[in-house]
Protein backbone atom coordinates (compact mmCIF):
# COMPACT_ATOMS: atom_id res chain seq x y z
CA MET A 1 80.77 87.26 148.46
CA SER A 2 83.61 85.73 149.94
CA LYS A 3 87.29 83.11 150.13
CA ASN A 4 84.84 80.48 151.50
CA HIS A 5 82.48 80.91 148.43
CA LEU A 6 85.59 80.02 145.79
CA GLU A 7 87.09 77.05 148.41
CA SER A 8 83.67 75.32 147.88
CA LEU A 9 83.11 75.55 144.73
CA LEU A 10 87.11 74.47 144.44
CA LYS A 11 86.08 71.39 146.38
CA GLN A 12 82.92 70.42 144.01
CA TYR A 13 85.67 70.95 141.44
CA GLN A 14 88.11 68.71 142.30
CA ALA A 15 85.34 66.14 143.20
CA ARG A 16 83.22 66.74 140.43
CA ASP A 17 80.16 66.89 142.02
CA PHE A 18 78.68 70.12 141.70
CA ASP A 19 75.72 71.25 144.13
CA LEU A 20 72.93 73.38 143.28
CA SER A 21 72.66 74.75 146.56
CA THR A 22 76.11 76.95 145.25
CA VAL A 23 74.75 77.66 142.06
CA ASN A 24 74.73 81.73 142.53
CA SER A 25 78.01 82.42 143.48
CA ALA A 26 78.98 79.56 140.78
CA SER A 27 76.91 81.16 138.15
CA ASP A 28 79.22 85.31 139.25
CA ILE A 29 82.99 83.34 139.18
CA ILE A 30 82.47 81.31 135.73
CA HIS A 31 80.80 84.70 134.27
CA GLU A 32 83.89 87.00 135.57
CA SER A 33 86.69 84.34 135.04
CA SER A 34 85.40 84.14 130.97
CA HIS A 35 86.16 88.18 130.82
CA TYR A 36 89.62 86.86 132.56
CA PHE A 37 90.34 84.05 129.94
CA ASP A 38 89.17 87.01 126.92
CA HIS A 39 91.50 89.65 128.14
CA LEU A 40 94.63 87.24 127.92
CA ALA A 41 93.75 83.76 126.13
CA THR A 42 92.46 85.55 122.59
CA LEU A 43 94.55 87.65 119.55
CA SER A 44 92.17 90.57 120.54
CA GLY A 45 92.90 90.48 123.86
CA GLN A 46 96.68 89.94 123.91
CA VAL A 47 97.11 93.07 121.57
CA LEU A 48 94.98 95.25 124.27
CA LEU A 49 97.22 93.76 127.21
CA VAL A 50 100.00 95.10 124.53
CA LYS A 51 98.52 98.97 124.85
CA VAL A 52 97.37 98.80 128.29
CA TYR A 53 101.29 97.73 129.69
CA ASN A 54 102.64 100.70 127.14
CA ALA A 55 100.28 103.05 128.26
CA LEU A 56 101.13 102.36 131.73
CA ASN A 57 104.77 102.82 131.85
CA GLU A 58 104.06 106.18 129.61
CA LEU A 59 102.45 107.33 132.77
CA GLU A 60 104.73 105.92 135.43
CA ASN A 61 107.57 107.99 132.97
CA GLY A 62 105.72 110.45 132.45
CA THR A 63 107.03 110.96 129.03
CA GLU A 64 104.94 111.40 126.27
CA ASN A 65 101.89 110.51 125.79
CA ASP A 66 100.90 108.30 122.47
CA SER A 67 100.46 105.45 124.27
CA ILE A 68 97.66 106.52 126.84
CA ILE A 69 95.84 107.74 123.74
CA ASP A 70 96.47 104.81 121.69
CA TYR A 71 95.46 102.63 124.55
CA LEU A 72 92.36 104.95 125.21
CA ASN A 73 91.57 105.51 121.40
CA THR A 74 91.80 101.68 121.12
CA LEU A 75 89.12 100.53 123.96
CA ARG A 76 86.69 103.51 122.04
CA SER A 77 86.99 101.94 118.39
CA TRP A 78 86.27 98.46 120.21
CA LYS A 79 83.02 99.70 122.68
CA HIS A 80 81.73 102.93 120.89
CA ASP A 81 81.18 104.04 124.26
CA GLN A 82 79.73 107.44 122.93
CA TYR A 83 76.39 105.32 122.67
CA ALA A 84 75.96 103.68 125.76
CA HIS A 85 74.18 106.57 127.59
CA SER A 86 71.68 106.93 124.74
CA LEU A 87 69.50 104.09 126.01
CA THR A 88 65.59 105.54 127.66
CA THR A 89 63.68 104.69 130.66
CA ARG A 90 64.98 100.89 131.83
CA ILE A 91 62.14 98.41 130.10
CA LYS A 92 61.98 95.02 131.03
CA ASP A 93 59.34 92.87 129.54
CA PRO A 94 59.85 89.09 128.81
CA ALA A 95 57.09 88.94 125.51
CA PHE A 96 60.24 88.74 123.25
CA GLN A 97 57.10 90.03 120.28
CA ASN A 98 57.16 93.42 122.05
CA TRP A 99 60.60 93.85 120.92
CA SER A 100 62.17 94.97 117.25
CA TYR A 101 65.36 96.41 115.68
CA ASN A 102 66.60 97.75 112.74
CA PHE A 103 70.07 98.34 111.43
CA GLY A 104 72.71 101.09 110.72
CA ARG A 105 75.89 102.54 110.10
CA GLU A 106 77.62 104.66 112.14
CA PHE A 107 81.42 106.20 112.52
CA GLY A 108 83.56 106.18 115.49
CA VAL A 109 85.28 109.10 117.42
CA ASP A 110 87.84 109.02 118.91
CA ILE A 111 89.05 109.89 122.61
CA PHE A 112 88.78 113.61 122.02
CA ASP A 113 85.46 112.64 120.79
CA GLU A 114 86.70 114.19 116.93
CA PRO A 115 85.17 112.20 114.52
CA ASN A 116 86.66 108.92 112.29
CA SER A 117 86.49 107.19 109.78
CA GLU A 118 86.01 103.92 111.37
CA ALA A 119 82.55 102.42 110.28
CA PHE A 120 80.19 99.79 113.07
CA MET A 121 76.96 98.77 113.33
CA THR A 122 73.95 99.61 115.10
CA ALA A 123 71.03 97.78 115.99
CA THR A 124 68.15 100.59 116.82
CA PHE A 125 65.73 98.68 119.62
CA LYS A 126 61.76 99.51 119.76
CA HIS A 127 59.31 98.51 122.47
CA ARG A 128 55.86 98.37 121.61
CA GLY A 129 57.12 100.03 118.32
CA ILE A 130 58.55 103.00 120.23
CA ALA A 131 62.38 103.98 119.77
CA CYS A 132 63.93 103.36 123.54
CA GLY A 133 68.24 103.14 122.31
CA LYS A 134 70.01 102.88 119.64
CA VAL A 135 73.28 100.34 120.60
CA PRO A 136 76.72 99.94 118.82
CA PHE A 137 77.26 96.55 118.14
CA SER A 138 80.51 96.76 120.48
CA ILE A 139 83.31 94.07 121.75
CA GLU A 140 81.35 93.78 125.24
CA SER A 141 78.54 92.16 123.37
CA LEU A 142 81.36 89.44 122.11
CA TRP A 143 83.15 89.37 125.72
CA GLU A 144 79.55 89.39 127.49
CA THR A 145 77.89 86.47 125.28
CA ASN A 146 81.28 84.01 126.62
CA ALA A 147 80.37 85.17 129.88
CA MET A 148 76.90 83.94 129.71
CA TRP A 149 76.91 81.27 127.31
CA ALA A 150 80.00 79.59 129.62
CA GLU A 151 77.69 80.68 133.37
CA LEU A 152 73.80 78.92 131.58
CA THR A 153 76.27 76.07 130.37
CA TYR A 154 77.12 75.17 134.30
CA HIS A 155 73.87 75.95 135.25
CA PHE A 156 72.03 73.92 132.86
CA ASN A 157 74.53 70.72 133.12
CA LEU A 158 73.67 71.10 136.95
CA ALA A 159 69.75 70.99 135.73
CA ILE A 160 69.50 67.84 134.23
CA LEU A 161 71.76 65.82 136.25
CA LEU A 162 68.58 66.84 139.33
CA LYS A 163 67.24 62.93 139.81
CA ASP A 164 64.01 64.25 140.45
CA GLU A 165 61.80 65.10 137.40
CA GLU A 166 59.83 68.26 138.96
CA ASN A 167 62.81 69.49 140.47
CA ARG A 168 64.57 69.79 136.72
CA ILE A 169 61.46 71.23 135.66
CA ILE A 170 61.31 73.86 138.01
CA GLU A 171 64.97 74.54 137.51
CA GLY A 172 64.72 74.77 133.90
CA HIS A 173 62.14 76.95 134.42
CA GLN A 174 64.37 79.48 136.27
CA ILE A 175 67.15 79.33 133.86
CA GLN A 176 64.80 80.04 131.29
CA ASN A 177 63.39 83.18 132.97
CA LYS A 178 66.61 84.65 134.10
CA TYR A 179 68.17 84.67 131.00
CA THR A 180 64.99 85.40 129.26
CA SER A 181 65.34 88.80 131.21
CA TYR A 182 69.14 89.52 130.54
CA LEU A 183 67.89 89.49 126.67
CA TYR A 184 64.80 91.73 126.98
CA ASP A 185 66.11 94.22 129.55
CA SER A 186 66.83 97.51 127.51
CA GLU A 187 69.63 98.13 130.03
CA MET A 188 71.35 95.40 128.98
CA LEU A 189 70.67 95.84 125.17
CA ILE A 190 74.74 97.04 124.60
CA TYR A 191 75.70 93.45 126.08
CA SER A 192 73.49 91.17 124.65
CA LEU A 193 73.16 92.67 120.93
CA ALA A 194 75.09 89.30 119.97
CA ALA A 195 73.33 86.82 120.96
CA HIS A 196 69.99 89.07 120.34
CA LEU A 197 71.63 88.41 116.54
CA THR A 198 72.92 84.75 116.97
CA SER A 199 68.88 84.07 117.91
CA ASN A 200 66.83 85.86 115.34
CA PHE A 201 68.84 84.76 112.20
CA ALA A 202 69.78 81.80 112.70
CA ASN A 203 66.44 80.24 113.94
CA LEU A 204 67.91 78.05 116.65
CA GLY A 205 64.36 77.58 118.80
CA ASP A 206 65.89 77.80 122.30
CA PHE A 207 68.89 79.55 124.21
CA ILE A 208 70.96 77.89 125.46
CA ARG A 209 71.61 76.41 121.54
CA SER A 210 71.47 80.60 120.72
CA PHE A 211 73.91 81.16 123.22
CA LYS A 212 76.01 78.44 122.70
CA LEU A 213 76.00 79.62 118.37
CA SER A 214 77.03 82.52 119.68
CA LYS A 215 79.82 81.64 121.73
CA ALA A 216 81.21 79.44 119.22
CA LEU A 217 81.85 83.21 116.63
CA SER A 218 82.54 85.08 119.45
CA SER A 219 85.36 83.00 120.29
CA ILE A 220 86.60 82.78 116.86
CA SER A 221 86.08 87.00 116.56
CA LEU A 222 87.86 87.19 118.90
CA ASN A 223 90.84 85.81 118.02
CA LEU A 224 90.84 85.90 113.82
CA PRO A 225 93.85 87.48 113.03
CA TYR A 226 94.09 90.85 110.69
CA CYS A 227 95.87 88.57 107.37
CA TYR A 228 92.79 86.64 107.26
CA TYR A 229 89.88 89.24 107.20
CA SER A 230 90.16 89.41 103.23
CA GLN A 231 89.91 85.95 103.34
CA VAL A 232 86.77 85.86 104.43
CA LYS A 233 83.49 85.00 102.60
CA ARG A 234 81.43 87.89 101.50
CA THR A 235 78.19 87.97 102.00
CA LYS A 236 74.83 88.45 99.70
CA GLY A 237 73.83 90.80 102.50
CA THR A 238 70.66 88.59 103.84
CA CYS A 239 70.71 89.80 107.20
CA PHE A 240 72.72 93.50 107.59
CA ARG A 241 71.81 94.56 103.79
CA GLY A 242 75.71 95.47 102.78
CA ILE A 243 76.71 96.74 106.50
CA THR A 244 78.91 94.09 107.23
CA ASN A 245 80.96 93.64 103.15
CA ASP A 246 81.66 97.21 104.29
CA LEU A 247 83.05 96.85 107.74
CA LEU A 248 85.55 94.29 106.55
CA GLU A 249 86.78 95.79 102.96
CA LYS A 250 86.74 99.52 105.07
CA ASN A 251 88.68 98.41 108.74
CA HIS A 252 92.33 98.80 108.73
CA SER A 253 93.65 96.89 111.55
CA LEU A 254 91.70 93.70 114.24
CA ASN A 255 88.01 94.06 114.45
CA PRO A 256 86.07 91.10 115.71
CA CYS A 257 82.53 92.57 115.94
CA ALA A 258 82.43 92.97 111.67
CA VAL A 259 83.82 89.39 111.59
CA PHE A 260 81.09 88.48 113.78
CA LEU A 261 78.99 89.42 111.74
CA ALA A 262 80.51 88.09 108.41
CA LEU A 263 80.49 84.22 110.44
CA LEU A 264 77.16 84.66 111.30
CA GLU A 265 75.45 86.30 107.66
CA ASN A 266 77.82 83.23 106.15
CA ILE A 267 76.12 80.53 107.87
CA VAL A 268 72.61 81.89 107.46
CA GLU A 269 72.84 81.96 103.56
CA ALA A 270 74.53 77.75 103.90
CA GLN A 271 71.59 77.47 105.38
CA VAL A 272 73.14 74.35 107.56
CA ASP A 273 72.39 73.58 111.39
CA LEU A 274 75.80 73.38 112.97
CA ILE A 275 74.81 71.71 116.32
CA LYS A 276 74.75 68.78 116.92
CA SER A 277 72.72 65.97 118.85
CA ASP A 278 74.88 65.71 121.30
CA PHE A 279 75.35 69.87 121.05
CA SER A 280 78.61 70.14 120.11
CA ILE A 281 80.05 72.76 117.24
CA ASP A 282 82.42 71.60 114.65
CA ILE A 283 85.05 75.15 114.95
CA ASP A 284 86.52 73.84 111.63
CA GLU A 285 82.70 73.88 109.31
CA ILE A 286 82.30 77.35 110.53
CA LEU A 287 85.67 77.86 109.37
CA GLU A 288 85.33 76.53 106.14
CA ILE A 289 81.62 77.76 105.56
CA SER A 290 83.51 81.47 105.37
CA GLY A 291 86.80 80.64 103.49
CA LEU A 292 88.90 80.84 106.09
CA PRO A 293 91.73 78.26 107.03
CA ASN A 294 91.15 75.75 109.71
CA LYS A 295 91.41 75.43 113.44
CA ALA A 296 95.12 74.07 113.60
CA THR A 297 96.00 75.75 110.75
CA LEU A 298 94.61 79.89 112.51
CA GLU A 299 95.71 78.58 116.24
CA ALA A 300 99.55 78.13 115.37
CA ARG A 301 99.26 81.63 113.25
CA ILE A 302 97.11 83.57 116.58
CA LEU A 303 99.95 81.97 118.37
CA THR A 304 102.66 82.69 115.80
CA GLU A 305 101.60 86.65 116.22
CA ILE A 306 100.70 86.71 119.67
CA ASN A 307 104.56 85.88 120.57
CA GLN A 308 105.70 88.56 118.50
CA LEU A 309 103.81 90.81 120.41
CA ASP A 310 105.92 93.18 122.89
CA ILE A 311 105.68 95.98 125.11
CA ASP A 312 107.85 99.35 123.94
CA SER A 313 111.50 98.72 125.42
CA LYS A 314 111.91 102.11 126.02
CA SER A 315 112.04 102.77 130.25
CA ALA A 316 109.53 99.76 130.96
CA PRO A 317 108.98 99.22 134.71
CA PHE A 318 105.75 97.36 134.13
CA SER A 319 108.03 94.63 132.18
CA ASP A 320 108.07 91.68 134.36
CA ALA A 321 104.09 92.29 134.84
CA TYR A 322 102.97 92.22 131.09
CA SER A 323 105.73 89.04 129.96
CA LEU A 324 103.97 87.33 132.89
CA GLN A 325 100.36 88.14 132.05
CA LYS A 326 101.81 87.27 128.03
CA LYS A 327 102.85 83.98 129.24
CA ASN A 328 99.40 82.79 131.25
CA GLY A 329 97.58 83.58 128.38
CA ILE A 330 99.35 81.98 125.77
CA ASN A 331 98.86 79.19 128.80
CA ILE A 332 95.38 79.09 129.03
CA PHE A 333 95.02 79.77 124.89
CA ASN A 334 97.64 76.37 124.72
CA ASN A 335 95.38 73.83 127.23
CA HIS A 336 91.78 74.69 127.15
CA GLY A 337 90.32 75.15 123.61
CA GLY A 338 92.48 77.65 121.26
CA ILE A 339 90.50 79.91 118.87
CA GLU A 340 87.37 77.91 120.20
CA GLY A 341 87.65 79.29 123.79
CA ALA A 342 86.90 76.12 125.88
CA LEU A 343 83.16 75.99 123.48
CA ASN A 344 83.26 72.07 123.62
CA LYS A 345 84.68 71.59 127.61
CA HIS A 346 83.01 72.20 130.80
CA PRO A 347 83.08 75.61 131.79
CA ALA A 348 83.47 74.38 135.52
CA PHE A 349 86.75 74.57 134.81
CA PHE A 350 86.53 78.78 134.98
CA ILE A 351 86.28 78.04 138.94
CA GLU A 352 89.96 76.71 138.94
CA LEU A 353 91.64 79.30 136.66
CA ALA A 354 89.88 81.81 138.76
CA ASN A 355 91.49 80.12 141.99
CA LYS A 356 94.94 80.08 139.97
CA SER A 357 94.51 83.58 138.92
CA GLU A 358 94.46 84.72 142.13
CA SER A 359 92.89 87.58 140.77
CA CYS A 360 89.83 87.52 142.89
CA VAL A 361 88.62 90.52 144.72
CA PHE A 362 86.49 89.46 147.38
CA GLN A 363 83.08 91.69 148.52
CA GLU A 364 84.21 90.41 152.41
CA ASP A 365 87.81 90.96 152.51
CA LEU A 366 89.23 93.52 150.47
CA GLU A 367 91.83 94.51 152.27
CA GLU A 368 93.59 91.29 153.01
CA THR A 369 94.02 90.66 148.77
CA ASN A 370 96.99 91.33 147.10
CA ALA A 371 94.03 91.19 144.15
CA TYR A 372 92.67 94.35 145.78
CA SER A 373 96.03 96.36 146.18
CA ARG A 374 96.27 95.95 142.46
CA TYR A 375 92.47 96.86 141.46
CA GLU A 376 93.59 99.78 143.59
CA GLU A 377 96.78 100.99 142.48
CA ASN A 378 95.22 100.50 139.00
CA GLY A 379 92.38 101.71 139.45
CA ASN A 380 94.17 105.13 140.12
CA ARG A 381 96.68 104.81 137.03
CA GLU A 382 93.05 104.60 134.70
CA ARG A 383 91.76 107.81 136.25
CA SER A 384 95.31 109.30 136.23
CA MET A 385 94.81 108.08 131.55
CA PHE A 386 91.84 110.09 131.19
CA GLN A 387 92.85 113.44 133.35
CA VAL A 388 95.43 113.49 130.91
CA ILE A 389 92.99 113.25 127.82
CA GLU A 390 91.14 115.90 129.60
CA LYS A 391 94.05 118.40 130.00
CA LEU A 392 94.53 117.94 126.21
CA ARG A 393 90.95 117.98 125.75
CA GLN A 394 90.52 121.33 127.47
CA ASN A 395 94.11 122.38 125.41
CA LYS A 396 93.05 121.77 122.24
CA THR A 397 89.78 123.90 122.86
CA HIS A 398 91.69 126.80 124.37
CA LYS A 399 93.89 127.05 121.05
CA SER A 400 91.09 126.45 118.78
CA ALA A 401 89.27 129.52 120.89
CA LEU A 402 91.87 131.59 120.46
């Protein structure tokens, strides 16, 4: 991709006249901008932002390693990347009847691979009855379901505007094939699990409705303040055999995946169809089913908590960068749907967001963008953090041996 791709899409966005010939570049930009959105314009993203910049400041100052450890431990407890390499040979099979899964509960490990008490759910997938991997239900699945919803919705809305019925049918089949391939690919199961769960248990009948509900649940989960976890209605265990309640009871900080499971299981047990005839979803209805306050109340609390967040004040070379990103996140949250994460907006606005962010790194002109320089610099800093951890790991191993 080049900058010209974004500039072309920006002109289409401003004219509100989108071209099917550019749908591939639009899908990529919208997908990645959705990730940018979730990392800045959600409470969980802002919490992680503080940890990122505390770690960067600590690395720059060359002092202690507590913030680096805290940041990387948070990533591990949300991503459970110790399971990332547990999948077998790649299997791609669009026939959903050949796939099955069952659930289990596991306990996490910290950045030094030491066991901890943080429980999470896994799904063991089978293809034609043969296990092909144990997949953690992780925050990456929530991020990915939001991004896939965005690009899918953009493509679908573009296809239905086609005047020629035959072209509409052809494009519809292409969309179906693309997203079915995404769901039934063993290498993508870590990312697609949220969509699998929603499609399976909510019995919505088509992947567009499934992705939309999955997006709604994901956005609420990424934003729900911890103080409301105790208010989430406990489930009867219809879908996840008691794992949901266990995760809610035993966590001590933000756990978006536990919230997602509770919201979904409560909807299934309430036996309601949340998607209206115009494909909209009432977020307040989802919240009410799970015993939570309404959207306006939660959004006020989310903004209060974000505003209270701040990095450590002692010698903070990245304080200006943090303050800018915090401000960006608050502005995006306020302007694009709050707790529901732009659910009922046309996802084409992600094109404008990508342009305003000045964070795009294009393949054709890498050296010409400030974003690429930041990408290179922060990539080096991230590698330095892992080198710090590796030295600490070796010291621990050496002391144990002694």
